Protein backbone atom coordinates (compact mmCIF):
# COMPACT_ATOMS: atom_id res chain seq x y z
CA MET A 1 7.39 -27.41 -1.60
CA THR A 2 7.98 -30.20 -3.99
CA THR A 3 5.64 -33.11 -4.85
CA THR A 4 7.76 -35.41 -2.78
CA ASP A 5 7.43 -33.01 0.29
CA ALA A 6 3.70 -32.93 0.01
CA GLU A 7 1.65 -35.54 1.94
CA ALA A 8 -1.50 -36.93 0.66
CA HIS A 9 -4.41 -36.50 3.00
CA GLU A 10 -7.70 -38.33 3.28
CA HIS A 11 -11.00 -36.55 3.38
CA SER A 12 -14.57 -37.61 2.91
CA HIS A 13 -17.73 -36.39 1.44
CA ALA A 14 -21.39 -36.88 2.27
CA ASP A 15 -23.47 -39.40 0.19
CA VAL A 16 -24.90 -37.26 -2.62
CA SER A 17 -25.69 -40.10 -5.13
CA GLY A 18 -29.40 -40.07 -4.30
CA GLY A 19 -29.32 -43.28 -2.27
CA TRP A 20 -30.46 -43.54 1.40
CA LEU A 21 -30.14 -39.78 2.32
CA ARG A 22 -32.62 -38.57 -0.25
CA ALA A 23 -35.07 -41.39 0.52
CA ALA A 24 -34.81 -40.97 4.18
CA VAL A 25 -35.28 -37.24 4.38
CA PHE A 26 -38.17 -37.29 1.90
CA GLY A 27 -39.86 -40.24 3.93
CA ALA A 28 -39.41 -38.52 7.27
CA MET A 29 -40.95 -35.25 5.99
CA ASP A 30 -43.73 -36.93 3.97
CA GLY A 31 -44.70 -39.05 7.06
CA LEU A 32 -44.68 -36.04 9.51
CA VAL A 33 -46.75 -33.82 7.07
CA THR A 34 -49.12 -36.61 5.98
CA ASN A 35 -50.16 -37.75 9.41
CA THR A 36 -50.05 -34.36 11.18
CA ALA A 37 -52.39 -32.94 8.44
CA LEU A 38 -54.56 -36.24 8.65
CA VAL A 39 -54.90 -35.97 12.41
CA ALA A 40 -55.80 -32.29 12.02
CA GLY A 41 -58.48 -32.98 9.38
CA VAL A 42 -60.08 -35.96 11.09
CA GLY A 43 -59.92 -34.28 14.63
CA GLY A 44 -61.15 -31.06 13.15
CA GLY A 45 -64.21 -33.02 12.00
CA GLY A 46 -65.08 -33.98 15.37
CA ALA A 47 -64.05 -37.66 15.13
CA ALA A 48 -63.43 -39.71 18.27
CA PRO A 49 -59.95 -40.48 19.41
CA ARG A 50 -60.40 -44.05 18.51
CA ALA A 51 -61.19 -43.11 14.99
CA ILE A 52 -58.26 -40.73 14.76
CA VAL A 53 -55.83 -43.46 15.89
CA LEU A 54 -57.52 -45.95 13.37
CA ALA A 55 -57.13 -43.47 10.53
CA GLY A 56 -53.62 -42.48 11.57
CA VAL A 57 -52.35 -46.24 11.71
CA ALA A 58 -53.88 -47.00 8.50
CA SER A 59 -52.30 -43.96 6.85
CA LEU A 60 -48.89 -44.85 8.48
CA VAL A 61 -49.00 -48.46 7.18
CA ALA A 62 -50.34 -47.67 3.63
CA GLY A 63 -48.00 -44.61 3.33
CA ALA A 64 -44.88 -46.55 4.45
CA ILE A 65 -45.54 -49.27 1.99
CA SER A 66 -46.36 -46.89 -0.82
CA MET A 67 -43.22 -44.96 -0.13
CA ALA A 68 -41.04 -48.02 -0.13
CA LEU A 69 -42.43 -49.42 -3.30
CA GLY A 70 -42.29 -45.97 -4.98
CA GLU A 71 -38.64 -45.63 -4.05
CA TYR A 72 -37.71 -48.99 -5.09
CA THR A 73 -39.33 -48.71 -8.43
CA SER A 74 -38.15 -45.21 -9.18
CA VAL A 75 -34.45 -45.90 -8.22
CA ARG A 76 -34.48 -49.31 -10.09
CA THR A 77 -35.78 -47.55 -13.16
CA GLN A 78 -33.22 -44.87 -12.84
CA ASN A 79 -30.27 -47.49 -12.60
CA GLU A 80 -31.71 -49.46 -15.52
CA GLN A 81 -31.91 -46.36 -17.69
CA LEU A 82 -28.34 -45.58 -16.77
CA ASP A 83 -27.31 -49.12 -17.67
CA LEU A 84 -29.04 -48.65 -21.11
CA GLU A 85 -26.94 -45.52 -21.72
CA VAL A 86 -23.72 -47.13 -20.58
CA GLU A 87 -24.23 -49.85 -23.13
CA LYS A 88 -25.15 -47.35 -25.81
CA GLU A 89 -21.83 -45.52 -25.09
CA ARG A 90 -19.94 -48.89 -25.20
CA ARG A 91 -21.26 -49.69 -28.61
CA GLU A 92 -20.22 -46.15 -29.90
CA LEU A 93 -16.75 -46.79 -28.58
CA GLU A 94 -16.47 -50.12 -30.40
CA ARG A 95 -18.05 -48.72 -33.60
CA ASN A 96 -16.36 -45.35 -33.83
CA PRO A 97 -13.23 -45.28 -31.73
CA ALA A 98 -11.69 -42.43 -33.72
CA GLY A 99 -14.69 -40.23 -33.23
CA GLU A 100 -14.98 -41.02 -29.54
CA LEU A 101 -11.14 -40.28 -29.17
CA ALA A 102 -11.77 -36.82 -30.82
CA GLU A 103 -14.75 -36.34 -28.38
CA LEU A 104 -12.48 -37.10 -25.41
CA VAL A 105 -9.85 -34.71 -26.57
CA GLN A 106 -12.55 -32.01 -26.88
CA MET A 107 -13.78 -32.79 -23.40
CA LEU A 108 -10.24 -32.28 -22.04
CA ARG A 109 -9.77 -29.15 -23.97
CA VAL A 110 -13.02 -27.55 -22.81
CA ARG A 111 -11.58 -28.28 -19.22
CA GLY A 112 -8.40 -26.12 -19.82
CA VAL A 113 -5.93 -28.79 -21.20
CA ASP A 114 -3.76 -27.71 -24.05
CA GLU A 115 -4.55 -29.37 -27.41
CA HIS A 116 -1.41 -31.47 -27.70
CA LEU A 117 -1.49 -32.56 -24.04
CA ALA A 118 -5.11 -33.25 -24.30
CA ARG A 119 -4.59 -35.66 -27.30
CA ASP A 120 -1.66 -37.36 -25.56
CA VAL A 121 -3.82 -37.96 -22.32
CA ALA A 122 -6.91 -39.02 -24.38
CA VAL A 123 -4.80 -41.59 -26.16
CA GLN A 124 -3.26 -42.93 -23.20
CA LEU A 125 -6.59 -43.20 -21.27
CA SER A 126 -8.29 -44.75 -24.28
CA ARG A 127 -5.97 -47.69 -24.11
CA ASP A 128 -8.15 -49.16 -21.32
CA PRO A 129 -11.74 -49.41 -22.86
CA GLU A 130 -13.43 -49.34 -19.37
CA THR A 131 -11.64 -46.12 -18.28
CA ALA A 132 -12.58 -44.41 -21.52
CA LEU A 133 -16.13 -45.59 -21.07
CA ARG A 134 -16.35 -44.23 -17.50
CA LEU A 135 -14.95 -40.89 -18.62
CA HIS A 136 -17.42 -40.49 -21.53
CA VAL A 137 -20.45 -41.61 -19.25
CA VAL A 138 -19.42 -39.09 -16.54
CA ALA A 139 -18.84 -36.28 -19.02
CA GLU A 140 -22.07 -36.90 -21.06
CA LEU A 141 -24.48 -38.12 -18.33
CA GLY A 142 -23.19 -36.43 -15.30
CA VAL A 143 -23.15 -39.57 -13.21
CA SER A 144 -20.68 -42.32 -12.62
CA PRO A 145 -21.84 -45.98 -13.48
CA GLU A 146 -20.07 -47.11 -10.37
CA ASP A 147 -22.05 -44.89 -8.14
CA LYS A 148 -25.61 -46.17 -8.59
CA PRO A 149 -27.89 -45.89 -5.59
CA SER A 150 -29.33 -49.09 -4.10
CA PRO A 151 -33.05 -49.58 -4.69
CA THR A 152 -33.36 -51.79 -1.58
CA THR A 153 -31.57 -49.22 0.60
CA ALA A 154 -33.81 -46.41 -0.69
CA ALA A 155 -36.86 -48.57 0.02
CA VAL A 156 -35.85 -49.47 3.45
CA SER A 157 -34.93 -45.87 4.34
CA SER A 158 -38.15 -44.31 3.12
CA PHE A 159 -40.20 -47.09 4.83
CA LEU A 160 -38.64 -46.67 8.25
CA THR A 161 -38.48 -43.00 8.26
CA PHE A 162 -41.90 -42.32 6.83
CA GLY A 163 -43.26 -44.70 9.64
CA THR A 164 -41.25 -42.88 12.28
CA GLY A 165 -42.58 -39.48 11.10
CA ALA A 166 -45.99 -40.75 10.74
CA LEU A 167 -46.08 -42.16 14.33
CA LEU A 168 -45.12 -38.92 16.17
CA PRO A 169 -48.51 -37.09 15.85
CA LEU A 170 -50.26 -40.38 17.04
CA LEU A 171 -48.18 -40.76 20.11
CA PRO A 172 -50.47 -38.65 22.48
CA TYR A 173 -53.52 -40.67 21.60
CA LEU A 174 -51.56 -44.04 21.84
CA PHE A 175 -50.51 -42.99 25.45
CA GLY A 176 -54.18 -41.82 26.32
CA ILE A 177 -53.85 -38.18 25.89
CA SER A 178 -56.84 -37.47 23.69
CA LEU A 179 -56.17 -33.80 22.95
CA LEU A 180 -55.90 -32.61 19.36
CA TRP A 181 -53.49 -29.73 20.11
CA VAL A 182 -51.09 -32.08 21.91
CA ALA A 183 -50.93 -34.28 18.71
CA LEU A 184 -50.48 -31.32 16.60
CA LEU A 185 -47.67 -30.04 18.87
CA CYS A 186 -45.88 -33.41 18.55
CA GLY A 187 -46.11 -33.25 14.83
CA GLY A 188 -44.84 -29.76 14.78
CA LEU A 189 -41.91 -30.51 17.00
CA GLY A 190 -41.12 -33.46 14.75
CA LEU A 191 -41.22 -31.32 11.61
CA LEU A 192 -38.91 -28.69 13.26
CA ALA A 193 -36.49 -31.37 14.33
CA ALA A 194 -36.54 -33.16 11.13
CA GLY A 195 -35.88 -29.87 9.24
CA ALA A 196 -33.13 -28.91 11.61
CA LEU A 197 -31.39 -32.37 11.10
CA SER A 198 -31.56 -32.17 7.38
CA ALA A 199 -29.73 -28.97 7.50
CA ARG A 200 -26.54 -30.95 8.47
CA PHE A 201 -26.32 -31.99 4.82
CA THR A 202 -26.95 -28.44 3.40
CA PRO A 203 -25.33 -24.96 3.76
CA ARG A 204 -28.61 -23.76 5.29
CA PRO A 205 -28.65 -22.79 9.08
CA TRP A 206 -30.62 -25.34 11.34
CA TRP A 207 -33.16 -23.00 12.44
CA TYR A 208 -34.01 -21.93 8.76
CA ALA A 209 -34.53 -25.55 7.65
CA GLY A 210 -36.51 -26.40 10.70
CA LEU A 211 -38.91 -23.41 10.50
CA ARG A 212 -39.30 -23.83 6.85
CA GLN A 213 -40.45 -27.46 7.29
CA LEU A 214 -42.70 -26.49 10.23
CA LEU A 215 -44.27 -23.80 8.14
CA PHE A 216 -45.01 -26.38 5.35
CA GLY A 217 -46.65 -28.77 7.83
CA ALA A 218 -48.50 -26.02 9.49
CA ALA A 219 -49.92 -24.91 6.14
CA ALA A 220 -51.06 -28.52 5.32
CA ALA A 221 -52.54 -29.16 8.78
CA GLY A 222 -54.55 -25.86 8.69
CA VAL A 223 -55.97 -26.57 5.32
CA THR A 224 -57.04 -30.09 6.43
CA TYR A 225 -58.33 -28.89 9.71
CA ALA A 226 -60.51 -26.27 7.91
CA ILE A 227 -61.86 -28.87 5.63
CA GLY A 228 -62.48 -31.34 8.41
CA ALA A 229 -64.35 -28.66 10.44
CA ALA A 230 -66.40 -27.72 7.61
CA ILE A 231 -67.44 -31.32 6.66
CA GLY A 232 -68.10 -32.06 10.43
CA VAL A 233 -70.52 -29.18 10.70
CA ALA A 234 -72.20 -29.99 7.41
CA VAL A 235 -72.92 -33.56 8.33
CA ALA A 236 -73.72 -32.98 11.90
């Protein structure tokens, strides 16, 4: 088959740039674990259903805001650091073009390109300063300056998913079912479902990811329940 016979085909990849997906998964898991453990601890201490709901809603609001602000700040700082490194590389290309050209040749040779061909390709690519800059940045920093995650997207994703996850263990109380085990069951099912859904973006089987997240949440809830029960007995 010649190159003229071959047909180009389109294919897509999942978002791995650290934008909405990482923030959404982290937010959902954090919200589920945080409020499931909180409900277990407060309920284990013998608190009234109204107090459990109050504590859970306060945790939901405070946690969602904290997650959103944290994601926005961290992603924004990461992008600003990348911009700083890109400008540093731009200055190096302007000050020492011969050295940067030799560096680009070496990058191509490391990837298996013959020396003469590597030099010819490097010279051709270096005719466009922006192309040369992108190649140097990707090779040296491991990221593309054009694929920066959005701080706003990360913040909104984490806010919504944290709030959704934190709401699940509170649902029984909000609907008048004042039973701790039902609330913990809702939190556990949420953890299992969230872990299973996250497996769609990984090579892990859904049951493995789901059970792993359920185990993490159960451990946190068990610890806080024991602490809550001990404090409840001590102050009774």
